[in-house]
Amino acid sequence: GRWRKAQVSSRMAAMLRKQAIMDGSYGSFVPGQGGWDPAWDKFKRPIVRKPFKKHGHERNRKDRFEAIQKKLSQQPEKIAAMRQDKIDAKPKPGILSLYKRLMNMRGGK
């Protein structure tokens, strides 16, 4: 249990390892002379990179395209319905609509 300080700091260990590589004593350790045992090397966890998240408009581009195509396929029916509503909103021709129109033109007096 109790935490203990490392006998050799990571920075010092890196310096000793590099020195051993330069001296040619890497791979063996002699107590009086020094060197570096490869078992002392720290294992570095491999870095697994995730793909970039991208911007929202890039991630949703396919969904947006499909939604637009779906709405465009419904567009001819919607245009026809809108035109029909516009025709239906106009008053029916006859004496009553003519009278109302003429009364509005004169200001309704």
PDB file of N, CA and C in Angstrom:
ATOM      1  N   GLY A   1       0.313  -1.129   0.000  1.00  0.00           N
ATOM      2  CA  GLY A   1       0.000   0.000   0.000  1.00  0.00           C
ATOM      3  C   GLY A   1       0.380   1.368   0.000  1.00  0.00           C
ATOM      4  N   ARG A   2       1.504   1.693   0.565  1.00  0.00           N
ATOM      5  CA  ARG A   2       1.855   3.106   0.681  1.00  0.00           C
ATOM      6  C   ARG A   2       2.630   3.554  -0.566  1.00  0.00           C
ATOM      7  N   TRP A   3       2.357   4.797  -1.011  1.00  0.00           N
ATOM      8  CA  TRP A   3       3.055   5.313  -2.187  1.00  0.00           C
ATOM      9  C   TRP A   3       4.507   5.621  -1.845  1.00  0.00           C
ATOM     10  N   ARG A   4       5.386   5.214  -2.749  1.00  0.00           N
ATOM     11  CA  ARG A   4       6.804   5.519  -2.566  1.00  0.00           C
ATOM     12  C   ARG A   4       7.326   6.235  -3.800  1.00  0.00           C
ATOM     13  N   LYS A   5       8.207   7.177  -3.563  1.00  0.00           N
ATOM     14  CA  LYS A   5       8.803   7.938  -4.645  1.00  0.00           C
ATOM     15  C   LYS A   5       9.694   7.027  -5.486  1.00  0.00           C
ATOM     16  N   ALA A   6       9.733   7.281  -6.804  1.00  0.00           N
ATOM     17  CA  ALA A   6      10.585   6.488  -7.689  1.00  0.00           C
ATOM     18  C   ALA A   6      12.049   6.737  -7.329  1.00  0.00           C
ATOM     19  N   GLN A   7      12.869   5.687  -7.436  1.00  0.00           N
ATOM     20  CA  GLN A   7      14.288   5.838  -7.102  1.00  0.00           C
ATOM     21  C   GLN A   7      14.995   6.711  -8.135  1.00  0.00           C
ATOM     22  N   VAL A   8      14.538   6.596  -9.408  1.00  0.00           N
ATOM     23  CA  VAL A   8      15.105   7.426 -10.479  1.00  0.00           C
ATOM     24  C   VAL A   8      13.931   8.075 -11.198  1.00  0.00           C
ATOM     25  N   SER A   9      13.970   9.395 -11.344  1.00  0.00           N
ATOM     26  CA  SER A   9      12.862  10.098 -12.000  1.00  0.00           C
ATOM     27  C   SER A   9      12.805   9.721 -13.481  1.00  0.00           C
ATOM     28  N   SER A  10      11.672   9.948 -14.092  1.00  0.00           N
ATOM     29  CA  SER A  10      11.499   9.617 -15.514  1.00  0.00           C
ATOM     30  C   SER A  10      12.462  10.405 -16.380  1.00  0.00           C
ATOM     31  N   ARG A  11      12.673  11.664 -16.039  1.00  0.00           N
ATOM     32  CA  ARG A  11      13.608  12.484 -16.812  1.00  0.00           C
ATOM     33  C   ARG A  11      15.025  11.943 -16.704  1.00  0.00           C
ATOM     34  N   MET A  12      15.429  11.575 -15.484  1.00  0.00           N
ATOM     35  CA  MET A  12      16.779  11.031 -15.277  1.00  0.00           C
ATOM     36  C   MET A  12      16.916   9.676 -15.961  1.00  0.00           C
ATOM     37  N   ALA A  13      15.859   8.856 -15.905  1.00  0.00           N
ATOM     38  CA  ALA A  13      15.899   7.544 -16.557  1.00  0.00           C
ATOM     39  C   ALA A  13      16.054   7.697 -18.064  1.00  0.00           C
ATOM     40  N   ALA A  14      15.372   8.688 -18.649  1.00  0.00           N
ATOM     41  CA  ALA A  14      15.487   8.925 -20.082  1.00  0.00           C
ATOM     42  C   ALA A  14      16.898   9.338 -20.444  1.00  0.00           C
ATOM     43  N   MET A  15      17.509  10.185 -19.597  1.00  0.00           N
ATOM     44  CA  MET A  15      18.893  10.609 -19.848  1.00  0.00           C
ATOM     45  C   MET A  15      19.851   9.423 -19.758  1.00  0.00           C
ATOM     46  N   LEU A  16      19.672   8.566 -18.723  1.00  0.00           N
ATOM     47  CA  LEU A  16      20.546   7.396 -18.567  1.00  0.00           C
ATOM     48  C   LEU A  16      20.381   6.421 -19.728  1.00  0.00           C
ATOM     49  N   ARG A  17      19.159   6.242 -20.203  1.00  0.00           N
ATOM     50  CA  ARG A  17      18.893   5.347 -21.325  1.00  0.00           C
ATOM     51  C   ARG A  17      19.583   5.857 -22.587  1.00  0.00           C
ATOM     52  N   LYS A  18      19.460   7.161 -22.857  1.00  0.00           N
ATOM     53  CA  LYS A  18      20.119   7.737 -24.035  1.00  0.00           C
ATOM     54  C   LYS A  18      21.634   7.625 -23.941  1.00  0.00           C
ATOM     55  N   GLN A  19      22.142   7.815 -22.734  1.00  0.00           N
ATOM     56  CA  GLN A  19      23.589   7.707 -22.534  1.00  0.00           C
ATOM     57  C   GLN A  19      24.055   6.274 -22.800  1.00  0.00           C
ATOM     58  N   ALA A  20      23.246   5.300 -22.346  1.00  0.00           N
ATOM     59  CA  ALA A  20      23.590   3.893 -22.563  1.00  0.00           C
ATOM     60  C   ALA A  20      23.569   3.554 -24.047  1.00  0.00           C
ATOM     61  N   ILE A  21      22.618   4.127 -24.785  1.00  0.00           N
ATOM     62  CA  ILE A  21      22.557   3.883 -26.235  1.00  0.00           C
ATOM     63  C   ILE A  21      23.782   4.473 -26.913  1.00  0.00           C
ATOM     64  N   MET A  22      24.207   5.679 -26.480  1.00  0.00           N
ATOM     65  CA  MET A  22      25.378   6.313 -27.082  1.00  0.00           C
ATOM     66  C   MET A  22      26.664   5.551 -26.728  1.00  0.00           C
ATOM     67  N   ASP A  23      26.724   5.030 -25.512  1.00  0.00           N
ATOM     68  CA  ASP A  23      27.917   4.295 -25.075  1.00  0.00           C
ATOM     69  C   ASP A  23      27.970   2.889 -25.662  1.00  0.00           C
ATOM     70  N   GLY A  24      26.836   2.387 -26.113  1.00  0.00           N
ATOM     71  CA  GLY A  24      26.786   1.013 -26.627  1.00  0.00           C
ATOM     72  C   GLY A  24      26.514   0.003 -25.526  1.00  0.00           C
ATOM     73  N   SER A  25      26.149   0.443 -24.356  1.00  0.00           N
ATOM     74  CA  SER A  25      25.889  -0.482 -23.252  1.00  0.00           C
ATOM     75  C   SER A  25      24.399  -0.761 -23.084  1.00  0.00           C
ATOM     76  N   TYR A  26      23.598  -0.380 -24.065  1.00  0.00           N
ATOM     77  CA  TYR A  26      22.160  -0.643 -23.993  1.00  0.00           C
ATOM     78  C   TYR A  26      21.936  -2.139 -24.183  1.00  0.00           C
ATOM     79  N   GLY A  27      21.151  -2.738 -23.329  1.00  0.00           N
ATOM     80  CA  GLY A  27      20.858  -4.169 -23.425  1.00  0.00           C
ATOM     81  C   GLY A  27      21.528  -4.970 -22.334  1.00  0.00           C
ATOM     82  N   SER A  28      22.469  -4.363 -21.640  1.00  0.00           N
ATOM     83  CA  SER A  28      23.125  -5.076 -20.534  1.00  0.00           C
ATOM     84  C   SER A  28      23.388  -4.073 -19.420  1.00  0.00           C
ATOM     85  N   PHE A  29      23.375  -4.572 -18.181  1.00  0.00           N
ATOM     86  CA  PHE A  29      23.641  -3.704 -17.039  1.00  0.00           C
ATOM     87  C   PHE A  29      24.722  -4.351 -16.191  1.00  0.00           C
ATOM     88  N   VAL A  30      25.796  -3.625 -15.981  1.00  0.00           N
ATOM     89  CA  VAL A  30      26.883  -4.062 -15.108  1.00  0.00           C
ATOM     90  C   VAL A  30      26.887  -3.107 -13.931  1.00  0.00           C
ATOM     91  N   PRO A  31      26.747  -3.601 -12.677  1.00  0.00           N
ATOM     92  CA  PRO A  31      26.604  -2.705 -11.530  1.00  0.00           C
ATOM     93  C   PRO A  31      27.703  -1.653 -11.403  1.00  0.00           C
ATOM     94  N   GLY A  32      28.914  -1.964 -11.700  1.00  0.00           N
ATOM     95  CA  GLY A  32      29.991  -0.979 -11.527  1.00  0.00           C
ATOM     96  C   GLY A  32      30.075  -0.010 -12.682  1.00  0.00           C
ATOM     97  N   GLN A  33      29.739  -0.460 -13.886  1.00  0.00           N
ATOM     98  CA  GLN A  33      29.923   0.387 -15.064  1.00  0.00           C
ATOM     99  C   GLN A  33      28.634   1.086 -15.506  1.00  0.00           C
ATOM    100  N   GLY A  34      27.520   0.448 -15.339  1.00  0.00           N
ATOM    101  CA  GLY A  34      26.251   1.043 -15.779  1.00  0.00           C
ATOM    102  C   GLY A  34      25.680   0.293 -16.973  1.00  0.00           C
ATOM    103  N   GLY A  35      24.852   0.963 -17.687  1.00  0.00           N
ATOM    104  CA  GLY A  35      24.170   0.370 -18.832  1.00  0.00           C
ATOM    105  C   GLY A  35      22.664   0.508 -18.658  1.00  0.00           C
ATOM    106  N   TRP A  36      21.950  -0.171 -19.516  1.00  0.00           N
ATOM    107  CA  TRP A  36      20.488  -0.090 -19.458  1.00  0.00           C
ATOM    108  C   TRP A  36      19.894  -1.421 -19.840  1.00  0.00           C
ATOM    109  N   ASP A  37      19.035  -1.929 -18.975  1.00  0.00           N
ATOM    110  CA  ASP A  37      18.336  -3.185 -19.229  1.00  0.00           C
ATOM    111  C   ASP A  37      17.033  -2.844 -19.962  1.00  0.00           C
ATOM    112  N   PRO A  38      16.741  -3.479 -21.120  1.00  0.00           N
ATOM    113  CA  PRO A  38      15.512  -3.158 -21.851  1.00  0.00           C
ATOM    114  C   PRO A  38      14.236  -3.431 -21.046  1.00  0.00           C
ATOM    115  N   ALA A  39      14.292  -4.251 -20.031  1.00  0.00           N
ATOM    116  CA  ALA A  39      13.117  -4.518 -19.200  1.00  0.00           C
ATOM    117  C   ALA A  39      12.700  -3.266 -18.424  1.00  0.00           C
ATOM    118  N   TRP A  40      13.598  -2.322 -18.281  1.00  0.00           N
ATOM    119  CA  TRP A  40      13.282  -1.089 -17.553  1.00  0.00           C
ATOM    120  C   TRP A  40      12.497  -0.087 -18.404  1.00  0.00           C
ATOM    121  N   ASP A  41      12.486  -0.304 -19.728  1.00  0.00           N
ATOM    122  CA  ASP A  41      11.756   0.628 -20.596  1.00  0.00           C
ATOM    123  C   ASP A  41      10.279   0.635 -20.228  1.00  0.00           C
ATOM    124  N   LYS A  42       9.704   1.831 -20.220  1.00  0.00           N
ATOM    125  CA  LYS A  42       8.282   1.949 -19.905  1.00  0.00           C
ATOM    126  C   LYS A  42       7.463   1.553 -21.131  1.00  0.00           C
ATOM    127  N   PHE A  43       6.395   0.828 -20.871  1.00  0.00           N
ATOM    128  CA  PHE A  43       5.483   0.460 -21.943  1.00  0.00           C
ATOM    129  C   PHE A  43       4.562   1.637 -22.220  1.00  0.00           C
ATOM    130  N   LYS A  44       4.538   2.065 -23.452  1.00  0.00           N
ATOM    131  CA  LYS A  44       3.666   3.166 -23.826  1.00  0.00           C
ATOM    132  C   LYS A  44       2.406   2.586 -24.456  1.00  0.00           C
ATOM    133  N   ARG A  45       1.284   3.022 -23.933  1.00  0.00           N
ATOM    134  CA  ARG A  45      -0.001   2.571 -24.451  1.00  0.00           C
ATOM    135  C   ARG A  45      -0.158   3.063 -25.888  1.00  0.00           C
ATOM    136  N   PRO A  46      -0.591   2.187 -26.797  1.00  0.00           N
ATOM    137  CA  PRO A  46      -0.771   2.650 -28.176  1.00  0.00           C
ATOM    138  C   PRO A  46      -1.886   3.694 -28.256  1.00  0.00           C
ATOM    139  N   ILE A  47      -1.682   4.677 -29.105  1.00  0.00           N
ATOM    140  CA  ILE A  47      -2.649   5.754 -29.272  1.00  0.00           C
ATOM    141  C   ILE A  47      -3.642   5.335 -30.353  1.00  0.00           C
ATOM    142  N   VAL A  48      -4.885   5.226 -29.970  1.00  0.00           N
ATOM    143  CA  VAL A  48      -5.938   4.909 -30.931  1.00  0.00           C
ATOM    144  C   VAL A  48      -6.719   6.183 -31.165  1.00  0.00           C
ATOM    145  N   ARG A  49      -6.625   6.687 -32.355  1.00  0.00           N
ATOM    146  CA  ARG A  49      -7.268   7.957 -32.663  1.00  0.00           C
ATOM    147  C   ARG A  49      -8.685   7.727 -33.186  1.00  0.00           C
ATOM    148  N   LYS A  50      -9.627   8.515 -32.652  1.00  0.00           N
ATOM    149  CA  LYS A  50     -10.995   8.467 -33.136  1.00  0.00           C
ATOM    150  C   LYS A  50     -11.085   9.319 -34.396  1.00  0.00           C
ATOM    151  N   PRO A  51     -12.012   9.007 -35.266  1.00  0.00           N
ATOM    152  CA  PRO A  51     -12.178   9.886 -36.428  1.00  0.00           C
ATOM    153  C   PRO A  51     -12.687  11.244 -35.968  1.00  0.00           C
ATOM    154  N   PHE A  52     -12.375  12.267 -36.737  1.00  0.00           N
ATOM    155  CA  PHE A  52     -12.781  13.613 -36.379  1.00  0.00           C
ATOM    156  C   PHE A  52     -14.296  13.712 -36.331  1.00  0.00           C
ATOM    157  N   LYS A  53     -14.790  14.528 -35.416  1.00  0.00           N
ATOM    158  CA  LYS A  53     -16.229  14.670 -35.203  1.00  0.00           C
ATOM    159  C   LYS A  53     -16.895  15.409 -36.367  1.00  0.00           C
ATOM    160  N   LYS A  54     -16.228  16.324 -36.991  1.00  0.00           N
ATOM    161  CA  LYS A  54     -16.712  17.173 -38.075  1.00  0.00           C
ATOM    162  C   LYS A  54     -17.751  18.162 -37.559  1.00  0.00           C
ATOM    163  N   HIS A  55     -18.112  19.090 -38.421  1.00  0.00           N
ATOM    164  CA  HIS A  55     -19.136  20.069 -38.072  1.00  0.00           C
ATOM    165  C   HIS A  55     -20.509  19.443 -38.260  1.00  0.00           C
ATOM    166  N   GLY A  56     -21.491  20.014 -37.586  1.00  0.00           N
ATOM    167  CA  GLY A  56     -22.841  19.475 -37.648  1.00  0.00           C
ATOM    168  C   GLY A  56     -23.381  19.420 -39.057  1.00  0.00           C
ATOM    169  N   HIS A  57     -23.139  20.443 -39.866  1.00  0.00           N
ATOM    170  CA  HIS A  57     -23.670  20.448 -41.230  1.00  0.00           C
ATOM    171  C   HIS A  57     -22.996  19.387 -42.095  1.00  0.00           C
ATOM    172  N   GLU A  58     -21.760  19.007 -41.759  1.00  0.00           N
ATOM    173  CA  GLU A  58     -21.084  17.937 -42.499  1.00  0.00           C
ATOM    174  C   GLU A  58     -21.599  16.566 -42.077  1.00  0.00           C
ATOM    175  N   ARG A  59     -21.851  16.405 -40.759  1.00  0.00           N
ATOM    176  CA  ARG A  59     -22.348  15.119 -40.264  1.00  0.00           C
ATOM    177  C   ARG A  59     -23.759  14.835 -40.754  1.00  0.00           C
ATOM    178  N   ASN A  60     -24.588  15.877 -40.841  1.00  0.00           N
ATOM    179  CA  ASN A  60     -25.999  15.702 -41.173  1.00  0.00           C
ATOM    180  C   ASN A  60     -26.307  15.918 -42.647  1.00  0.00           C
ATOM    181  N   ARG A  61     -25.303  15.995 -43.478  1.00  0.00           N
ATOM    182  CA  ARG A  61     -25.510  16.321 -44.882  1.00  0.00           C
ATOM    183  C   ARG A  61     -26.386  15.286 -45.589  1.00  0.00           C
ATOM    184  N   LYS A  62     -26.129  14.024 -45.355  1.00  0.00           N
ATOM    185  CA  LYS A  62     -26.883  12.960 -46.023  1.00  0.00           C
ATOM    186  C   LYS A  62     -28.354  13.000 -45.594  1.00  0.00           C
ATOM    187  N   ASP A  63     -28.592  13.158 -44.288  1.00  0.00           N
ATOM    188  CA  ASP A  63     -29.971  13.220 -43.790  1.00  0.00           C
ATOM    189  C   ASP A  63     -30.706  14.429 -44.372  1.00  0.00           C
ATOM    190  N   ARG A  64     -29.996  15.579 -44.434  1.00  0.00           N
ATOM    191  CA  ARG A  64     -30.596  16.781 -44.996  1.00  0.00           C
ATOM    192  C   ARG A  64     -30.972  16.568 -46.459  1.00  0.00           C
ATOM    193  N   PHE A  65     -30.062  15.929 -47.219  1.00  0.00           N
ATOM    194  CA  PHE A  65     -30.304  15.676 -48.640  1.00  0.00           C
ATOM    195  C   PHE A  65     -31.535  14.794 -48.815  1.00  0.00           C
ATOM    196  N   GLU A  66     -31.626  13.734 -48.004  1.00  0.00           N
ATOM    197  CA  GLU A  66     -32.778  12.829 -48.108  1.00  0.00           C
ATOM    198  C   GLU A  66     -34.074  13.543 -47.746  1.00  0.00           C
ATOM    199  N   ALA A  67     -34.049  14.399 -46.714  1.00  0.00           N
ATOM    200  CA  ALA A  67     -35.244  15.142 -46.319  1.00  0.00           C
ATOM    201  C   ALA A  67     -35.672  16.103 -47.421  1.00  0.00           C
ATOM    202  N   ILE A  68     -34.700  16.760 -48.061  1.00  0.00           N
ATOM    203  CA  ILE A  68     -35.012  17.701 -49.139  1.00  0.00           C
ATOM    204  C   ILE A  68     -35.614  16.948 -50.326  1.00  0.00           C
ATOM    205  N   GLN A  69     -35.040  15.797 -50.672  1.00  0.00           N
ATOM    206  CA  GLN A  69     -35.570  15.011 -51.786  1.00  0.00           C
ATOM    207  C   GLN A  69     -36.999  14.551 -51.501  1.00  0.00           C
ATOM    208  N   LYS A  70     -37.259  14.157 -50.270  1.00  0.00           N
ATOM    209  CA  LYS A  70     -38.601  13.719 -49.881  1.00  0.00           C
ATOM    210  C   LYS A  70     -39.598  14.862 -50.023  1.00  0.00           C
ATOM    211  N   LYS A  71     -39.203  16.051 -49.541  1.00  0.00           N
ATOM    212  CA  LYS A  71     -40.094  17.210 -49.630  1.00  0.00           C
ATOM    213  C   LYS A  71     -40.290  17.656 -51.078  1.00  0.00           C
ATOM    214  N   LEU A  72     -39.229  17.554 -51.901  1.00  0.00           N
ATOM    215  CA  LEU A  72     -39.357  17.948 -53.304  1.00  0.00           C
ATOM    216  C   LEU A  72     -40.299  17.013 -54.056  1.00  0.00           C
ATOM    217  N   SER A  73     -40.326  15.738 -53.659  1.00  0.00           N
ATOM    218  CA  SER A  73     -41.231  14.809 -54.329  1.00  0.00           C
ATOM    219  C   SER A  73     -42.691  15.136 -54.007  1.00  0.00           C
ATOM    220  N   GLN A  74     -42.952  15.773 -52.861  1.00  0.00           N
ATOM    221  CA  GLN A  74     -44.309  16.167 -52.482  1.00  0.00           C
ATOM    222  C   GLN A  74     -44.691  17.530 -53.052  1.00  0.00           C
ATOM    223  N   GLN A  75     -43.761  18.243 -53.637  1.00  0.00           N
ATOM    224  CA  GLN A  75     -43.973  19.623 -54.049  1.00  0.00           C
ATOM    225  C   GLN A  75     -45.059  19.783 -55.125  1.00  0.00           C
ATOM    226  N   PRO A  76     -45.143  18.954 -56.180  1.00  0.00           N
ATOM    227  CA  PRO A  76     -46.195  19.166 -57.193  1.00  0.00           C
ATOM    228  C   PRO A  76     -47.610  19.121 -56.604  1.00  0.00           C
ATOM    229  N   GLU A  77     -47.856  18.179 -55.665  1.00  0.00           N
ATOM    230  CA  GLU A  77     -49.185  18.113 -55.051  1.00  0.00           C
ATOM    231  C   GLU A  77     -49.451  19.363 -54.216  1.00  0.00           C
ATOM    232  N   LYS A  78     -48.437  19.833 -53.500  1.00  0.00           N
ATOM    233  CA  LYS A  78     -48.615  21.023 -52.661  1.00  0.00           C
ATOM    234  C   LYS A  78     -48.887  22.264 -53.514  1.00  0.00           C
ATOM    235  N   ILE A  79     -48.201  22.371 -54.644  1.00  0.00           N
ATOM    236  CA  ILE A  79     -48.415  23.517 -55.533  1.00  0.00           C
ATOM    237  C   ILE A  79     -49.833  23.476 -56.093  1.00  0.00           C
ATOM    238  N   ALA A  80     -50.283  22.281 -56.510  1.00  0.00           N
ATOM    239  CA  ALA A  80     -51.642  22.142 -57.046  1.00  0.00           C
ATOM    240  C   ALA A  80     -52.681  22.487 -55.978  1.00  0.00           C
ATOM    241  N   ALA A  81     -52.447  22.045 -54.737  1.00  0.00           N
ATOM    242  CA  ALA A  81     -53.388  22.347 -53.653  1.00  0.00           C
ATOM    243  C   ALA A  81     -53.421  23.839 -53.350  1.00  0.00           C
ATOM    244  N   MET A  82     -52.269  24.490 -53.391  1.00  0.00           N
ATOM    245  CA  MET A  82     -52.192  25.921 -53.125  1.00  0.00           C
ATOM    246  C   MET A  82     -52.935  26.703 -54.217  1.00  0.00           C
ATOM    247  N   ARG A  83     -52.766  26.296 -55.465  1.00  0.00           N
ATOM    248  CA  ARG A  83     -53.460  26.973 -56.563  1.00  0.00           C
ATOM    249  C   ARG A  83     -54.973  26.778 -56.457  1.00  0.00           C
ATOM    250  N   GLN A  84     -55.368  25.574 -56.070  1.00  0.00           N
ATOM    251  CA  GLN A  84     -56.799  25.305 -55.917  1.00  0.00           C
ATOM    252  C   GLN A  84     -57.386  26.125 -54.769  1.00  0.00           C
ATOM    253  N   ASP A  85     -56.637  26.260 -53.652  1.00  0.00           N
ATOM    254  CA  ASP A  85     -57.094  27.076 -52.531  1.00  0.00           C
ATOM    255  C   ASP A  85     -57.245  28.536 -52.947  1.00  0.00           C
ATOM    256  N   LYS A  86     -56.324  28.992 -53.802  1.00  0.00           N
ATOM    257  CA  LYS A  86     -56.374  30.374 -54.271  1.00  0.00           C
ATOM    258  C   LYS A  86     -57.630  30.594 -55.132  1.00  0.00           C
ATOM    259  N   ILE A  87     -57.952  29.608 -55.974  1.00  0.00           N
ATOM    260  CA  ILE A  87     -59.151  29.705 -56.812  1.00  0.00           C
ATOM    261  C   ILE A  87     -60.403  29.655 -55.942  1.00  0.00           C
ATOM    262  N   ASP A  88     -60.390  28.759 -54.935  1.00  0.00           N
ATOM    263  CA  ASP A  88     -61.556  28.615 -54.061  1.00  0.00           C
ATOM    264  C   ASP A  88     -61.786  29.857 -53.193  1.00  0.00           C
ATOM    265  N   ALA A  89     -60.741  30.611 -52.905  1.00  0.00           N
ATOM    266  CA  ALA A  89     -60.873  31.791 -52.052  1.00  0.00           C
ATOM    267  C   ALA A  89     -61.549  32.947 -52.780  1.00  0.00           C
ATOM    268  N   LYS A  90     -61.525  32.922 -54.110  1.00  0.00           N
ATOM    269  CA  LYS A  90     -62.149  34.009 -54.873  1.00  0.00           C
ATOM    270  C   LYS A  90     -63.666  33.891 -54.767  1.00  0.00           C
ATOM    271  N   PRO A  91     -64.353  35.013 -54.733  1.00  0.00           N
ATOM    272  CA  PRO A  91     -65.826  34.950 -54.629  1.00  0.00           C
ATOM    273  C   PRO A  91     -66.448  34.403 -55.909  1.00  0.00           C
ATOM    274  N   LYS A  92     -67.548  33.700 -55.755  1.00  0.00           N
ATOM    275  CA  LYS A  92     -68.247  33.132 -56.899  1.00  0.00           C
ATOM    276  C   LYS A  92     -68.896  34.271 -57.693  1.00  0.00           C
ATOM    277  N   PRO A  93     -68.852  34.197 -59.012  1.00  0.00           N
ATOM    278  CA  PRO A  93     -69.472  35.267 -59.801  1.00  0.00           C
ATOM    279  C   PRO A  93     -71.002  35.241 -59.638  1.00  0.00           C
ATOM    280  N   GLY A  94     -71.565  36.419 -59.563  1.00  0.00           N
ATOM    281  CA  GLY A  94     -73.014  36.538 -59.410  1.00  0.00           C
ATOM    282  C   GLY A  94     -73.384  37.941 -58.987  1.00  0.00           C
ATOM    283  N   ILE A  95     -74.668  38.187 -58.848  1.00  0.00           N
ATOM    284  CA  ILE A  95     -75.158  39.528 -58.529  1.00  0.00           C
ATOM    285  C   ILE A  95     -74.756  39.966 -57.129  1.00  0.00           C
ATOM    286  N   LEU A  96     -74.726  39.016 -56.186  1.00  0.00           N
ATOM    287  CA  LEU A  96     -74.381  39.360 -54.811  1.00  0.00           C
ATOM    288  C   LEU A  96     -72.924  39.813 -54.700  1.00  0.00           C
ATOM    289  N   SER A  97     -72.012  39.068 -55.343  1.00  0.00           N
ATOM    290  CA  SER A  97     -70.594  39.456 -55.276  1.00  0.00           C
ATOM    291  C   SER A  97     -70.358  40.754 -56.024  1.00  0.00           C
ATOM    292  N   LEU A  98     -71.086  40.976 -57.131  1.00  0.00           N
ATOM    293  CA  LEU A  98     -70.948  42.226 -57.863  1.00  0.00           C
ATOM    294  C   LEU A  98     -71.411  43.401 -56.997  1.00  0.00           C
ATOM    295  N   TYR A  99     -72.543  43.248 -56.320  1.00  0.00           N
ATOM    296  CA  TYR A  99     -73.068  44.299 -55.452  1.00  0.00           C
ATOM    297  C   TYR A  99     -72.073  44.626 -54.335  1.00  0.00           C
ATOM    298  N   LYS A 100     -71.517  43.585 -53.690  1.00  0.00           N
ATOM    299  CA  LYS A 100     -70.539  43.800 -52.606  1.00  0.00           C
ATOM    300  C   LYS A 100     -69.294  44.520 -53.123  1.00  0.00           C
ATOM    301  N   ARG A 101     -68.856  44.136 -54.304  1.00  0.00           N
ATOM    302  CA  ARG A 101     -67.664  44.763 -54.865  1.00  0.00           C
ATOM    303  C   ARG A 101     -67.927  46.226 -55.177  1.00  0.00           C
ATOM    304  N   LEU A 102     -69.064  46.511 -55.757  1.00  0.00           N
ATOM    305  CA  LEU A 102     -69.382  47.893 -56.084  1.00  0.00           C
ATOM    306  C   LEU A 102     -69.557  48.745 -54.834  1.00  0.00           C
ATOM    307  N   MET A 103     -70.132  48.189 -53.794  1.00  0.00           N
ATOM    308  CA  MET A 103     -70.298  48.912 -52.543  1.00  0.00           C
ATOM    309  C   MET A 103     -68.948  49.230 -51.896  1.00  0.00           C
ATOM    310  N   ASN A 104     -67.995  48.302 -52.003  1.00  0.00           N
ATOM    311  CA  ASN A 104     -66.657  48.545 -51.448  1.00  0.00           C
ATOM    312  C   ASN A 104     -65.920  49.605 -52.265  1.00  0.00           C
ATOM    313  N   MET A 105     -66.144  49.638 -53.562  1.00  0.00           N
ATOM    314  CA  MET A 105     -65.477  50.628 -54.405  1.00  0.00           C
ATOM    315  C   MET A 105     -65.937  52.039 -54.064  1.00  0.00           C
ATOM    316  N   ARG A 106     -67.222  52.182 -53.716  1.00  0.00           N
ATOM    317  CA  ARG A 106     -67.780  53.509 -53.415  1.00  0.00           C
ATOM    318  C   ARG A 106     -67.497  53.897 -51.970  1.00  0.00           C
ATOM    319  N   GLY A 107     -66.912  53.016 -51.208  1.00  0.00           N
ATOM    320  CA  GLY A 107     -66.636  53.341 -49.819  1.00  0.00           C
ATOM    321  C   GLY A 107     -67.701  52.841 -48.900  1.00  0.00           C
ATOM    322  N   GLY A 108     -68.684  52.076 -49.374  1.00  0.00           N
ATOM    323  CA  GLY A 108     -69.709  51.474 -48.545  1.00  0.00           C
ATOM    324  C   GLY A 108     -70.776  52.425 -48.068  1.00  0.00           C
ATOM    325  N   LYS A 109     -70.991  53.566 -48.753  1.00  0.00           N
ATOM    326  CA  LYS A 109     -71.989  54.560 -48.309  1.00  0.00           C
ATOM    327  C   LYS A 109     -73.364  54.232 -48.788  1.00  0.00           C
TER     328      LYS A 109
END
